[in-house]
Amino acid sequence: MLPPEVGLCRIEKLQFAPESRWEEAVVVEPGGLMTELSAWLDSLRGGRLGFEAFFGMPYDGGRLSAFIGMRLEISDEIRSLIADAAEFFPARWPVSAGGLLAETERRLGLRLFAGEPAFMELGLINRWQSFGGLTFWRRGEGYPSGKFTEALAAAPRYLGNLPAPPAIETAYSAPVPHWFGVSVASPSAEGGYLLDMKAAAAYLKAAAALI
């Protein structure tokens, strides 16, 4: 399940990618043009489409960058859903994460973020495939915080300067692949990003109550 505060968060950016290859994502932001997205959607002939919505979430007295996403089989209905969602942004209409999620569930006849998640991963935003995601917890393994520490010991590449913000995703496998992600990044003096271990630990502690 999602943290209850997610529902009222205002979406700041949408992005779409074939087969969740986020390195190739098409991004839609407030005031952006629909031309590129419309042409891109028309060019898709099959396969699966990754869809993510980013927003700022109140957290521990501050603000945390977060996102929800899903991967859907491409169809005329999916093209229509994506086009309708993206049109809110050029029009500068406020769209909440809860509103977008409810409309997606209604149009596709799905219930999302229900039950226990399938796994949790650490990865880099928009570099998930090229940098390599790190799965550190699976359903039935107990609390994720200890598993996170163990996995990092075997993947030291996440402990240095990173080319993109690291994030933790809580992923569900049914009824379609979908996920909730939070950024656990801090700026690096070298110009990149660092894994913020304090933020990661705090989020994993909070997430344990939701799984």
C-alpha atoms as a PDB file:
ATOM      1  CA  MET A   1       0.000   0.000   0.000  1.00  0.00           C
ATOM      2  CA  LEU A   2       1.021   3.597  -0.487  1.00  0.00           C
ATOM      3  CA  PRO A   3       1.771   6.097   2.286  1.00  0.00           C
ATOM      4  CA  PRO A   4      -1.507   8.004   2.831  1.00  0.00           C
ATOM      5  CA  GLU A   5       0.090  11.386   2.114  1.00  0.00           C
ATOM      6  CA  VAL A   6       0.823  10.382  -1.500  1.00  0.00           C
ATOM      7  CA  GLY A   7      -2.785  10.879  -2.591  1.00  0.00           C
ATOM      8  CA  LEU A   8      -2.773  14.685  -2.264  1.00  0.00           C
ATOM      9  CA  CYS A   9       0.687  15.266  -3.735  1.00  0.00           C
ATOM     10  CA  ARG A  10       0.715  17.373  -6.891  1.00  0.00           C
ATOM     11  CA  ILE A  11       2.331  15.734  -9.903  1.00  0.00           C
ATOM     12  CA  GLU A  12       5.295  17.707 -11.259  1.00  0.00           C
ATOM     13  CA  LYS A  13       6.403  15.548 -14.190  1.00  0.00           C
ATOM     14  CA  LEU A  14       5.311  12.563 -16.282  1.00  0.00           C
ATOM     15  CA  GLN A  15       7.624  10.324 -18.252  1.00  0.00           C
ATOM     16  CA  PHE A  16       7.139   7.399 -20.619  1.00  0.00           C
ATOM     17  CA  ALA A  17       9.560   4.778 -21.921  1.00  0.00           C
ATOM     18  CA  PRO A  18       9.333   1.670 -24.145  1.00  0.00           C
ATOM     19  CA  GLU A  19       9.781  -1.499 -22.050  1.00  0.00           C
ATOM     20  CA  SER A  20      10.777   0.766 -19.122  1.00  0.00           C
ATOM     21  CA  ARG A  21      14.034   1.775 -20.802  1.00  0.00           C
ATOM     22  CA  TRP A  22      14.088   5.033 -18.857  1.00  0.00           C
ATOM     23  CA  GLU A  23      17.291   6.152 -20.530  1.00  0.00           C
ATOM     24  CA  GLU A  24      15.039   6.729 -23.591  1.00  0.00           C
ATOM     25  CA  ALA A  25      12.201   8.415 -21.698  1.00  0.00           C
ATOM     26  CA  VAL A  26       9.922  11.052 -23.190  1.00  0.00           C
ATOM     27  CA  VAL A  27       9.215  13.663 -20.500  1.00  0.00           C
ATOM     28  CA  VAL A  28       6.139  15.895 -20.117  1.00  0.00           C
ATOM     29  CA  GLU A  29       6.286  18.827 -17.698  1.00  0.00           C
ATOM     30  CA  PRO A  30       3.897  21.722 -16.972  1.00  0.00           C
ATOM     31  CA  GLY A  31       3.766  24.054 -19.934  1.00  0.00           C
ATOM     32  CA  GLY A  32       5.432  21.505 -22.206  1.00  0.00           C
ATOM     33  CA  LEU A  33       4.401  20.700 -25.750  1.00  0.00           C
ATOM     34  CA  MET A  34       2.447  17.552 -26.627  1.00  0.00           C
ATOM     35  CA  THR A  35       3.839  17.286 -30.160  1.00  0.00           C
ATOM     36  CA  GLU A  36       6.757  15.000 -29.371  1.00  0.00           C
ATOM     37  CA  LEU A  37       4.716  12.714 -27.113  1.00  0.00           C
ATOM     38  CA  SER A  38       1.823  12.439 -29.592  1.00  0.00           C
ATOM     39  CA  ALA A  39       4.147  11.464 -32.438  1.00  0.00           C
ATOM     40  CA  TRP A  40       5.986   9.027 -30.200  1.00  0.00           C
ATOM     41  CA  LEU A  41       2.772   7.336 -29.011  1.00  0.00           C
ATOM     42  CA  ASP A  42       1.612   6.975 -32.619  1.00  0.00           C
ATOM     43  CA  SER A  43       4.884   5.227 -33.482  1.00  0.00           C
ATOM     44  CA  LEU A  44       4.427   2.480 -30.895  1.00  0.00           C
ATOM     45  CA  ARG A  45       3.171  -0.743 -32.416  1.00  0.00           C
ATOM     46  CA  GLY A  46       3.428  -3.273 -29.587  1.00  0.00           C
ATOM     47  CA  GLY A  47       5.269  -4.323 -26.464  1.00  0.00           C
ATOM     48  CA  ARG A  48       5.027  -2.654 -23.095  1.00  0.00           C
ATOM     49  CA  LEU A  49       5.084   0.979 -22.049  1.00  0.00           C
ATOM     50  CA  GLY A  50       6.576   2.300 -18.824  1.00  0.00           C
ATOM     51  CA  PHE A  51       4.745   5.256 -17.283  1.00  0.00           C
ATOM     52  CA  GLU A  52       5.946   7.269 -14.251  1.00  0.00           C
ATOM     53  CA  ALA A  53       4.591  10.302 -12.393  1.00  0.00           C
ATOM     54  CA  PHE A  54       6.924  12.349 -10.147  1.00  0.00           C
ATOM     55  CA  PHE A  55       5.893  14.514  -7.195  1.00  0.00           C
ATOM     56  CA  GLY A  56       7.188  16.034  -3.969  1.00  0.00           C
ATOM     57  CA  MET A  57       5.976  14.262  -0.828  1.00  0.00           C
ATOM     58  CA  PRO A  58       6.001  15.737   2.696  1.00  0.00           C
ATOM     59  CA  TYR A  59       8.338  13.654   4.820  1.00  0.00           C
ATOM     60  CA  ASP A  60       9.903  14.088   8.269  1.00  0.00           C
ATOM     61  CA  GLY A  61       9.319  17.841   8.303  1.00  0.00           C
ATOM     62  CA  GLY A  62      10.744  18.284   4.815  1.00  0.00           C
ATOM     63  CA  ARG A  63      10.047  17.236   1.261  1.00  0.00           C
ATOM     64  CA  LEU A  64      10.981  13.995  -0.456  1.00  0.00           C
ATOM     65  CA  SER A  65      11.088  13.438  -4.219  1.00  0.00           C
ATOM     66  CA  ALA A  66       8.924  10.428  -5.047  1.00  0.00           C
ATOM     67  CA  PHE A  67       7.214   8.715  -7.975  1.00  0.00           C
ATOM     68  CA  ILE A  68       4.689   6.060  -8.902  1.00  0.00           C
ATOM     69  CA  GLY A  69       4.971   3.982 -12.047  1.00  0.00           C
ATOM     70  CA  MET A  70       3.583   1.051 -13.975  1.00  0.00           C
ATOM     71  CA  ARG A  71       4.312  -1.031 -17.051  1.00  0.00           C
ATOM     72  CA  LEU A  72       1.377  -1.708 -19.392  1.00  0.00           C
ATOM     73  CA  GLU A  73       0.799  -3.601 -22.610  1.00  0.00           C
ATOM     74  CA  ILE A  74       0.470  -1.059 -25.421  1.00  0.00           C
ATOM     75  CA  SER A  75      -3.068  -0.778 -26.790  1.00  0.00           C
ATOM     76  CA  ASP A  76      -5.402   1.914 -28.097  1.00  0.00           C
ATOM     77  CA  GLU A  77      -6.841   2.304 -24.596  1.00  0.00           C
ATOM     78  CA  ILE A  78      -3.372   2.785 -23.114  1.00  0.00           C
ATOM     79  CA  ARG A  79      -2.495   5.360 -25.781  1.00  0.00           C
ATOM     80  CA  SER A  80      -5.699   7.219 -24.969  1.00  0.00           C
ATOM     81  CA  LEU A  81      -5.045   7.086 -21.210  1.00  0.00           C
ATOM     82  CA  ILE A  82      -1.491   8.389 -21.618  1.00  0.00           C
ATOM     83  CA  ALA A  83      -2.540  11.186 -23.973  1.00  0.00           C
ATOM     84  CA  ASP A  84      -5.337  12.305 -21.637  1.00  0.00           C
ATOM     85  CA  ALA A  85      -3.047  12.287 -18.582  1.00  0.00           C
ATOM     86  CA  ALA A  86      -0.342  14.277 -20.369  1.00  0.00           C
ATOM     87  CA  GLU A  87      -2.811  16.949 -21.564  1.00  0.00           C
ATOM     88  CA  PHE A  88      -3.247  18.173 -17.990  1.00  0.00           C
ATOM     89  CA  PHE A  89       0.290  19.553 -18.014  1.00  0.00           C
ATOM     90  CA  PRO A  90       0.241  21.843 -21.063  1.00  0.00           C
ATOM     91  CA  ALA A  91      -3.041  23.175 -19.687  1.00  0.00           C
ATOM     92  CA  ARG A  92      -1.342  23.736 -16.305  1.00  0.00           C
ATOM     93  CA  TRP A  93      -4.165  22.008 -14.435  1.00  0.00           C
ATOM     94  CA  PRO A  94      -3.201  20.724 -10.972  1.00  0.00           C
ATOM     95  CA  VAL A  95      -3.214  16.923 -10.954  1.00  0.00           C
ATOM     96  CA  SER A  96      -2.785  14.893  -7.776  1.00  0.00           C
ATOM     97  CA  ALA A  97      -1.082  11.519  -7.602  1.00  0.00           C
ATOM     98  CA  GLY A  98      -4.252  10.100  -6.036  1.00  0.00           C
ATOM     99  CA  GLY A  99      -6.433  11.509  -8.804  1.00  0.00           C
ATOM    100  CA  LEU A 100      -4.222  10.108 -11.554  1.00  0.00           C
ATOM    101  CA  LEU A 101      -4.076   6.724  -9.849  1.00  0.00           C
ATOM    102  CA  ALA A 102      -7.857   6.584  -9.344  1.00  0.00           C
ATOM    103  CA  GLU A 103      -8.516   7.482 -12.994  1.00  0.00           C
ATOM    104  CA  THR A 104      -6.025   4.855 -14.177  1.00  0.00           C
ATOM    105  CA  GLU A 105      -7.668   2.193 -12.015  1.00  0.00           C
ATOM    106  CA  ARG A 106     -11.135   3.186 -13.236  1.00  0.00           C
ATOM    107  CA  ARG A 107     -10.281   3.141 -16.940  1.00  0.00           C
ATOM    108  CA  LEU A 108      -8.259  -0.066 -16.848  1.00  0.00           C
ATOM    109  CA  GLY A 109     -10.396  -1.917 -14.304  1.00  0.00           C
ATOM    110  CA  LEU A 110      -7.413  -2.528 -12.021  1.00  0.00           C
ATOM    111  CA  ARG A 111      -6.677  -2.134  -8.330  1.00  0.00           C
ATOM    112  CA  LEU A 112      -3.110  -1.042  -7.716  1.00  0.00           C
ATOM    113  CA  PHE A 113      -0.867  -0.954  -4.630  1.00  0.00           C
ATOM    114  CA  ALA A 114      -3.004  -3.520  -2.812  1.00  0.00           C
ATOM    115  CA  GLY A 115      -1.613  -6.324  -0.691  1.00  0.00           C
ATOM    116  CA  GLU A 116       2.045  -7.056  -0.015  1.00  0.00           C
ATOM    117  CA  PRO A 117       4.695  -5.911  -2.507  1.00  0.00           C
ATOM    118  CA  ALA A 118       6.749  -8.468  -4.416  1.00  0.00           C
ATOM    119  CA  PHE A 119      10.202  -6.956  -3.918  1.00  0.00           C
ATOM    120  CA  MET A 120      12.242  -3.821  -3.186  1.00  0.00           C
ATOM    121  CA  GLU A 121      15.109  -2.477  -5.269  1.00  0.00           C
ATOM    122  CA  LEU A 122      17.749   0.207  -5.197  1.00  0.00           C
ATOM    123  CA  GLY A 123      18.545   1.866  -8.517  1.00  0.00           C
ATOM    124  CA  LEU A 124      19.371   5.143 -10.231  1.00  0.00           C
ATOM    125  CA  ILE A 125      16.539   7.279 -11.571  1.00  0.00           C
ATOM    126  CA  ASN A 126      16.458   6.995 -15.370  1.00  0.00           C
ATOM    127  CA  ARG A 127      19.526   4.721 -15.284  1.00  0.00           C
ATOM    128  CA  TRP A 128      17.863   1.690 -13.756  1.00  0.00           C
ATOM    129  CA  GLN A 129      18.833  -0.694 -16.544  1.00  0.00           C
ATOM    130  CA  SER A 130      22.187   0.743 -17.608  1.00  0.00           C
ATOM    131  CA  PHE A 131      23.572   1.068 -14.049  1.00  0.00           C
ATOM    132  CA  GLY A 132      21.826  -2.056 -12.804  1.00  0.00           C
ATOM    133  CA  GLY A 133      19.098  -2.271 -10.163  1.00  0.00           C
ATOM    134  CA  LEU A 134      19.873  -3.988  -6.860  1.00  0.00           C
ATOM    135  CA  THR A 135      17.068  -6.196  -5.531  1.00  0.00           C
ATOM    136  CA  PHE A 136      17.545  -6.420  -1.765  1.00  0.00           C
ATOM    137  CA  TRP A 137      14.206  -7.715  -0.410  1.00  0.00           C
ATOM    138  CA  ARG A 138      11.535 -10.149  -1.590  1.00  0.00           C
ATOM    139  CA  ARG A 139       8.120 -11.004  -0.206  1.00  0.00           C
ATOM    140  CA  GLY A 140       8.329 -13.216   2.858  1.00  0.00           C
ATOM    141  CA  GLU A 141      11.861 -12.220   3.893  1.00  0.00           C
ATOM    142  CA  GLY A 142      10.912 -10.132   6.924  1.00  0.00           C
ATOM    143  CA  TYR A 143      12.005  -6.527   7.479  1.00  0.00           C
ATOM    144  CA  PRO A 144      13.875  -4.953   4.538  1.00  0.00           C
ATOM    145  CA  SER A 145      16.391  -2.768   6.421  1.00  0.00           C
ATOM    146  CA  GLY A 146      18.824  -5.576   7.261  1.00  0.00           C
ATOM    147  CA  LYS A 147      18.580  -6.965   3.737  1.00  0.00           C
ATOM    148  CA  PHE A 148      19.437  -3.516   2.367  1.00  0.00           C
ATOM    149  CA  THR A 149      22.678  -3.359   4.341  1.00  0.00           C
ATOM    150  CA  GLU A 150      23.647  -6.874   3.273  1.00  0.00           C
ATOM    151  CA  ALA A 151      22.985  -6.137  -0.404  1.00  0.00           C
ATOM    152  CA  LEU A 152      25.038  -2.933  -0.343  1.00  0.00           C
ATOM    153  CA  ALA A 153      28.028  -4.825   1.024  1.00  0.00           C
ATOM    154  CA  ALA A 154      27.934  -6.938  -2.143  1.00  0.00           C
ATOM    155  CA  ALA A 155      27.374  -3.937  -4.457  1.00  0.00           C
ATOM    156  CA  PRO A 156      29.919  -1.249  -3.505  1.00  0.00           C
ATOM    157  CA  ARG A 157      29.287   0.643  -6.759  1.00  0.00           C
ATOM    158  CA  TYR A 158      26.381   2.330  -4.947  1.00  0.00           C
ATOM    159  CA  LEU A 159      28.655   3.713  -2.232  1.00  0.00           C
ATOM    160  CA  GLY A 160      30.645   6.108  -4.423  1.00  0.00           C
ATOM    161  CA  ASN A 161      29.848   9.139  -6.562  1.00  0.00           C
ATOM    162  CA  LEU A 162      26.802   8.334  -8.706  1.00  0.00           C
ATOM    163  CA  PRO A 163      25.788   9.740 -12.116  1.00  0.00           C
ATOM    164  CA  ALA A 164      22.062   9.994 -11.246  1.00  0.00           C
ATOM    165  CA  PRO A 165      19.956  10.157  -8.055  1.00  0.00           C
ATOM    166  CA  PRO A 166      19.610   6.816  -6.254  1.00  0.00           C
ATOM    167  CA  ALA A 167      16.087   5.712  -5.341  1.00  0.00           C
ATOM    168  CA  ILE A 168      14.387   2.850  -3.544  1.00  0.00           C
ATOM    169  CA  GLU A 169      11.445   1.228  -5.315  1.00  0.00           C
ATOM    170  CA  THR A 170       8.769  -0.895  -3.694  1.00  0.00           C
ATOM    171  CA  ALA A 171       7.424  -3.061  -6.528  1.00  0.00           C
ATOM    172  CA  TYR A 172       4.217  -5.027  -7.062  1.00  0.00           C
ATOM    173  CA  SER A 173       3.889  -7.746  -9.683  1.00  0.00           C
ATOM    174  CA  ALA A 174       0.079  -7.917 -10.000  1.00  0.00           C
ATOM    175  CA  PRO A 175      -2.316  -7.104 -11.584  1.00  0.00           C
ATOM    176  CA  VAL A 176       0.348  -5.362 -13.702  1.00  0.00           C
ATOM    177  CA  PRO A 177       3.934  -4.467 -12.761  1.00  0.00           C
ATOM    178  CA  HIS A 178       3.777  -1.229 -10.765  1.00  0.00           C
ATOM    179  CA  TRP A 179       5.898   0.530  -8.152  1.00  0.00           C
ATOM    180  CA  PHE A 180       6.356   3.364  -5.693  1.00  0.00           C
ATOM    181  CA  GLY A 181       9.778   5.004  -5.537  1.00  0.00           C
ATOM    182  CA  VAL A 182      11.499   7.534  -3.293  1.00  0.00           C
ATOM    183  CA  SER A 183      14.738   9.365  -3.926  1.00  0.00           C
ATOM    184  CA  VAL A 184      17.440   8.693  -1.325  1.00  0.00           C
ATOM    185  CA  ALA A 185      20.003  11.040  -2.870  1.00  0.00           C
ATOM    186  CA  SER A 186      22.183  13.814  -1.567  1.00  0.00           C
ATOM    187  CA  PRO A 187      24.409  16.081  -3.706  1.00  0.00           C
ATOM    188  CA  SER A 188      28.045  15.137  -4.129  1.00  0.00           C
ATOM    189  CA  ALA A 189      30.898  17.645  -3.959  1.00  0.00           C
ATOM    190  CA  GLU A 190      32.114  16.059  -7.200  1.00  0.00           C
ATOM    191  CA  GLY A 191      28.975  17.135  -9.043  1.00  0.00           C
ATOM    192  CA  GLY A 192      27.057  13.868  -8.959  1.00  0.00           C
ATOM    193  CA  TYR A 193      24.982  12.191  -6.255  1.00  0.00           C
ATOM    194  CA  LEU A 194      25.550  10.127  -3.142  1.00  0.00           C
ATOM    195  CA  LEU A 195      23.377   7.476  -1.550  1.00  0.00           C
ATOM    196  CA  ASP A 196      21.945   9.127   1.582  1.00  0.00           C
ATOM    197  CA  MET A 197      22.092   6.262   4.083  1.00  0.00           C
ATOM    198  CA  LYS A 198      20.168   8.212   6.737  1.00  0.00           C
ATOM    199  CA  ALA A 199      17.283   8.895   4.333  1.00  0.00           C
ATOM    200  CA  ALA A 200      17.315   5.280   3.140  1.00  0.00           C
ATOM    201  CA  ALA A 201      17.201   3.933   6.703  1.00  0.00           C
ATOM    202  CA  ALA A 202      14.350   6.269   7.667  1.00  0.00           C
ATOM    203  CA  TYR A 203      12.318   5.317   4.612  1.00  0.00           C
ATOM    204  CA  LEU A 204      12.866   1.574   5.092  1.00  0.00           C
ATOM    205  CA  LYS A 205      11.762   1.878   8.721  1.00  0.00           C
ATOM    206  CA  ALA A 206       8.556   3.626   7.612  1.00  0.00           C
ATOM    207  CA  ALA A 207       8.020   1.188   4.720  1.00  0.00           C
ATOM    208  CA  ALA A 208       8.157  -1.800   7.072  1.00  0.00           C
ATOM    209  CA  ALA A 209       4.785  -0.724   8.490  1.00  0.00           C
ATOM    210  CA  LEU A 210       3.220  -0.782   4.990  1.00  0.00           C
ATOM    211  CA  ILE A 211       4.355  -4.233   3.823  1.00  0.00           C
END
